[in-house]
Amino acid sequence: MLIAERGGAVRKAVQVVGELLITAGIILVLFVVWEMWWTNVEADSRQGQILKQFAQELPAQTTQPNPSTQTKDFGAPKVGTAPQHGQTIGVIYIPRFGANYTRPLIEGTSADVLDTLGLGHYPSTSMPGALGNFAFAGHRQTHGAVLDNIHTLVPGDRIYVQTKDGYYTYVYRNTEVVLPNRSDVLLPTPTEAGVAPTERVLTITSCNPRFGSQERIIAYSVMESWRPASAGPPVEISKQVAALKTAA
């Protein structure tokens, strides 16, 4: 009788452990679904709201490109002042990431910005159009996956930044992969301490590899031109600009 009771207790313990493992497995699956899918849904929704608000607050301006001014030199770009943490600077368009890639650029790179609001501007770096290093960061996976395709950039690709002042066009140059402690990529002249900047550089940072964070992938671009808002958008993003204004 005692042996039978012990056997029953063992079977009961095995059953309980099995049920706990199944429950833990279900919880893990649900967490992965939440992390890989639902955080993207939430972030996309919030970023859509931010884009609409940005478009609504823009002064009246044309959303149609003016072919006669596409190659015009508008002189030194206007450089805005960085807003408060969590506020919108403008909109980023990267055609290489898709015809509808339109993401808000927000001041700050803490979790409250990057996990929900969009691309985050490093406060220690320059603003769009300024001499030196203008840098922003974003998640590669989860929370909107705003930089999931950063590895697909090809030299010559254009990256457009829209603010209330106008449009800044940067041309992608090269990528490097560094360790997470390499903060020198954010220097006024990236990776060169004490060197005065001579170019208007855009630096984009994200995690590497795509489903990890052991490294950082850094994409560098150089400013090609700028257009005041009154001149209308560059042709390549004109449909997106018009769609954003219409949606607002």
Protein backbone atom coordinates (compact mmCIF):
# COMPACT_ATOMS: atom_id res chain seq x y z
CA MET A 1 0.00 0.00 0.00
CA LEU A 2 2.81 2.38 0.90
CA ILE A 3 4.56 1.70 -2.41
CA ALA A 4 1.33 2.42 -4.30
CA GLU A 5 0.86 5.67 -2.39
CA ARG A 6 4.42 6.74 -3.17
CA GLY A 7 3.92 5.89 -6.83
CA GLY A 8 0.75 7.96 -6.91
CA ALA A 9 2.54 10.90 -5.31
CA VAL A 10 5.33 10.72 -7.88
CA ARG A 11 2.83 10.63 -10.74
CA LYS A 12 1.01 13.60 -9.23
CA ALA A 13 4.26 15.56 -8.91
CA VAL A 14 5.21 14.77 -12.50
CA GLN A 15 1.75 15.86 -13.65
CA VAL A 16 2.01 19.15 -11.74
CA VAL A 17 5.48 19.85 -13.13
CA GLY A 18 4.26 19.02 -16.63
CA GLU A 19 1.33 21.40 -16.30
CA LEU A 20 3.61 24.15 -15.01
CA LEU A 21 5.96 23.68 -17.94
CA ILE A 22 3.06 23.85 -20.39
CA THR A 23 1.77 27.01 -18.72
CA ALA A 24 5.26 28.54 -18.81
CA GLY A 25 5.52 27.65 -22.50
CA ILE A 26 2.19 29.32 -23.27
CA ILE A 27 3.22 32.43 -21.36
CA LEU A 28 6.51 32.53 -23.26
CA VAL A 29 4.73 32.22 -26.61
CA LEU A 30 2.32 35.01 -25.65
CA PHE A 31 5.23 37.21 -24.60
CA VAL A 32 6.97 36.65 -27.92
CA VAL A 33 3.75 37.48 -29.79
CA TRP A 34 3.36 40.65 -27.71
CA GLU A 35 7.00 41.65 -28.19
CA MET A 36 7.30 40.87 -31.90
CA TRP A 37 3.82 41.84 -33.08
CA TRP A 38 1.68 43.82 -30.67
CA THR A 39 4.37 46.37 -29.77
CA ASN A 40 4.62 47.11 -33.50
CA VAL A 41 0.86 47.60 -33.75
CA GLU A 42 0.83 49.99 -30.80
CA ALA A 43 3.85 51.94 -32.02
CA ASP A 44 2.52 52.24 -35.59
CA SER A 45 -0.78 53.60 -34.28
CA ARG A 46 0.86 56.17 -32.00
CA GLN A 47 3.30 57.27 -34.68
CA GLY A 48 0.44 57.70 -37.13
CA GLN A 49 -1.23 60.07 -34.67
CA ILE A 50 2.00 62.05 -34.27
CA LEU A 51 2.40 62.39 -38.04
CA LYS A 52 -1.14 63.71 -38.40
CA GLN A 53 -0.62 66.22 -35.62
CA PHE A 54 2.64 67.41 -37.19
CA ALA A 55 0.91 67.92 -40.55
CA GLN A 56 -1.97 69.78 -38.91
CA GLU A 57 0.40 72.18 -37.19
CA LEU A 58 2.37 73.04 -40.32
CA PRO A 59 1.72 76.51 -41.72
CA ALA A 60 -0.07 76.65 -45.05
CA GLN A 61 2.41 75.51 -47.70
CA THR A 62 2.47 73.75 -51.01
CA THR A 63 2.76 69.99 -51.09
CA GLN A 64 3.38 69.92 -54.84
CA PRO A 65 6.94 69.80 -56.20
CA ASN A 66 8.11 72.65 -58.39
CA PRO A 67 10.14 71.09 -61.24
CA SER A 68 11.84 74.39 -62.04
CA THR A 69 13.42 74.61 -58.59
CA GLN A 70 14.43 70.98 -58.01
CA THR A 71 18.10 71.76 -58.66
CA LYS A 72 18.06 75.32 -57.33
CA ASP A 73 20.58 76.27 -54.65
CA PHE A 74 18.66 77.86 -51.79
CA GLY A 75 21.78 78.83 -49.91
CA ALA A 76 22.65 77.94 -46.34
CA PRO A 77 20.00 75.71 -44.76
CA LYS A 78 17.86 77.02 -41.97
CA VAL A 79 18.63 75.26 -38.71
CA GLY A 80 15.90 74.99 -36.12
CA THR A 81 16.12 74.81 -32.34
CA ALA A 82 15.75 71.46 -30.63
CA PRO A 83 12.36 71.12 -28.90
CA GLN A 84 11.74 69.71 -25.44
CA HIS A 85 12.18 65.99 -24.77
CA GLY A 86 9.46 63.91 -26.41
CA GLN A 87 8.35 66.63 -28.81
CA THR A 88 8.30 66.32 -32.59
CA ILE A 89 11.11 67.70 -34.73
CA GLY A 90 9.79 66.54 -38.08
CA VAL A 91 9.35 63.59 -40.39
CA ILE A 92 11.85 61.14 -41.91
CA TYR A 93 11.33 59.65 -45.39
CA ILE A 94 13.60 56.84 -46.61
CA PRO A 95 12.44 55.56 -50.03
CA ARG A 96 14.77 52.55 -49.84
CA PHE A 97 12.65 51.29 -46.92
CA GLY A 98 9.45 51.41 -48.97
CA ALA A 99 7.32 53.85 -50.92
CA ASN A 100 5.26 54.63 -47.81
CA TYR A 101 8.05 54.84 -45.24
CA THR A 102 7.14 57.91 -43.21
CA ARG A 103 8.23 58.11 -39.56
CA PRO A 104 8.20 60.89 -36.96
CA LEU A 105 11.47 62.27 -35.60
CA ILE A 106 11.23 62.94 -31.87
CA GLU A 107 13.62 64.67 -29.48
CA GLY A 108 15.34 62.19 -27.15
CA THR A 109 16.53 58.59 -27.25
CA SER A 110 15.18 57.18 -23.98
CA ALA A 111 12.77 54.24 -23.91
CA ASP A 112 9.66 56.44 -23.69
CA VAL A 113 10.57 57.85 -27.12
CA LEU A 114 12.06 54.86 -28.95
CA ASP A 115 9.53 52.29 -27.70
CA THR A 116 6.48 54.19 -28.92
CA LEU A 117 6.98 57.57 -30.56
CA GLY A 118 9.36 56.83 -33.43
CA LEU A 119 12.91 57.75 -34.36
CA GLY A 120 14.77 59.52 -31.57
CA HIS A 121 17.15 62.44 -32.03
CA TYR A 122 20.29 62.37 -29.89
CA PRO A 123 20.12 65.66 -27.93
CA SER A 124 23.93 65.92 -27.89
CA THR A 125 24.05 66.12 -31.70
CA SER A 126 23.20 68.79 -34.25
CA MET A 127 19.78 69.58 -35.65
CA PRO A 128 18.89 68.87 -39.31
CA GLY A 129 20.89 71.01 -41.71
CA ALA A 130 23.52 72.09 -39.21
CA LEU A 131 27.24 71.72 -39.73
CA GLY A 132 28.43 68.67 -37.83
CA ASN A 133 26.67 65.47 -36.86
CA PHE A 134 22.87 65.18 -36.81
CA ALA A 135 22.08 61.74 -35.37
CA PHE A 136 19.02 59.67 -34.57
CA ALA A 137 18.26 56.13 -33.39
CA GLY A 138 15.48 53.60 -33.71
CA HIS A 139 14.54 49.99 -33.05
CA ARG A 140 15.36 47.40 -35.67
CA GLN A 141 12.80 44.89 -34.37
CA THR A 142 9.72 45.43 -32.16
CA HIS A 143 8.17 48.76 -31.13
CA GLY A 144 7.49 49.75 -34.73
CA ALA A 145 10.69 48.23 -36.18
CA VAL A 146 11.43 51.67 -37.62
CA LEU A 147 14.95 50.73 -38.79
CA ASP A 148 14.41 47.08 -39.65
CA ASN A 149 15.83 47.61 -43.15
CA ILE A 150 18.83 49.75 -42.29
CA HIS A 151 21.12 47.05 -43.71
CA THR A 152 19.55 47.46 -47.18
CA LEU A 153 20.81 51.03 -47.75
CA VAL A 154 22.91 51.44 -50.87
CA PRO A 155 25.41 54.27 -51.50
CA GLY A 156 23.55 57.06 -53.25
CA ASP A 157 20.22 56.40 -51.49
CA ARG A 158 18.56 59.58 -50.31
CA ILE A 159 17.17 60.22 -46.85
CA TYR A 160 14.78 63.14 -46.48
CA VAL A 161 14.07 65.13 -43.35
CA GLN A 162 11.05 67.42 -43.22
CA THR A 163 10.67 70.06 -40.53
CA LYS A 164 8.39 73.09 -40.35
CA ASP A 165 11.20 75.04 -42.04
CA GLY A 166 11.62 72.81 -45.08
CA TYR A 167 13.25 69.70 -46.50
CA TYR A 168 16.80 68.45 -45.97
CA THR A 169 18.20 65.84 -48.34
CA TYR A 170 21.02 63.55 -47.23
CA VAL A 171 22.81 60.99 -49.41
CA TYR A 172 23.79 57.69 -47.83
CA ARG A 173 27.53 56.98 -47.90
CA ASN A 174 28.49 53.92 -45.85
CA THR A 175 27.76 51.63 -42.90
CA GLU A 176 29.88 50.25 -40.10
CA VAL A 177 29.20 47.85 -37.24
CA VAL A 178 30.62 48.76 -33.83
CA LEU A 179 30.38 47.69 -30.19
CA PRO A 180 27.66 49.34 -28.06
CA ASN A 181 30.19 51.49 -26.17
CA ARG A 182 31.33 53.34 -29.30
CA SER A 183 29.80 56.72 -28.50
CA ASP A 184 32.42 58.42 -30.69
CA VAL A 185 30.11 57.86 -33.68
CA LEU A 186 28.08 60.76 -32.28
CA LEU A 187 30.95 63.26 -32.24
CA PRO A 188 30.63 66.40 -34.44
CA THR A 189 33.02 64.65 -36.84
CA PRO A 190 32.05 61.00 -36.32
CA THR A 191 34.78 58.84 -34.69
CA GLU A 192 37.30 61.73 -34.76
CA ALA A 193 37.62 63.41 -31.38
CA GLY A 194 38.68 67.04 -31.40
CA VAL A 195 38.26 67.44 -35.16
CA ALA A 196 36.15 70.41 -36.23
CA PRO A 197 33.34 69.37 -38.60
CA THR A 198 33.50 70.38 -42.23
CA GLU A 199 30.41 68.49 -43.44
CA ARG A 200 26.75 68.23 -42.55
CA VAL A 201 26.52 64.56 -41.59
CA LEU A 202 23.53 62.36 -40.73
CA THR A 203 24.26 59.37 -38.50
CA ILE A 204 21.64 56.66 -37.96
CA THR A 205 22.15 54.07 -35.23
CA SER A 206 20.35 50.82 -34.44
CA CYS A 207 20.94 47.41 -32.90
CA ASN A 208 22.81 44.64 -34.69
CA PRO A 209 22.16 41.88 -35.65
CA ARG A 210 18.49 42.22 -36.54
CA PHE A 211 17.26 40.03 -33.68
CA GLY A 212 19.99 40.91 -31.19
CA SER A 213 21.77 43.82 -29.55
CA GLN A 214 25.36 42.66 -29.20
CA GLU A 215 26.51 45.36 -31.61
CA ARG A 216 25.37 48.61 -33.19
CA ILE A 217 24.94 49.25 -36.90
CA ILE A 218 25.79 52.80 -37.94
CA ALA A 219 24.73 54.35 -41.25
CA TYR A 220 26.36 57.60 -42.39
CA SER A 221 24.99 60.10 -44.90
CA VAL A 222 26.07 63.55 -46.04
CA MET A 223 23.76 66.47 -46.72
CA GLU A 224 23.20 67.18 -50.41
CA SER A 225 20.71 70.04 -50.42
CA TRP A 226 17.89 71.77 -48.65
CA ARG A 227 14.62 73.36 -49.75
CA PRO A 228 12.52 75.85 -47.78
CA ALA A 229 8.94 74.76 -47.16
CA SER A 230 7.69 77.44 -49.55
CA ALA A 231 9.53 75.73 -52.45
CA GLY A 232 7.60 72.49 -52.04
CA PRO A 233 8.98 69.00 -51.42
CA PRO A 234 11.55 67.07 -53.45
CA VAL A 235 9.87 65.12 -56.26
CA GLU A 236 10.77 61.71 -54.82
CA ILE A 237 8.70 62.22 -51.65
CA SER A 238 6.04 64.59 -52.96
CA LYS A 239 3.28 61.94 -52.95
CA GLN A 240 4.03 61.02 -49.36
CA VAL A 241 4.06 64.65 -48.28
CA ALA A 242 0.73 65.26 -50.01
CA ALA A 243 -0.78 62.10 -48.50
CA LEU A 244 0.32 63.13 -45.01
CA LYS A 245 -1.23 66.57 -45.41
CA THR A 246 -4.46 65.08 -46.80
CA ALA A 247 -4.71 62.57 -43.93
CA ALA A 248 -4.41 65.42 -41.45
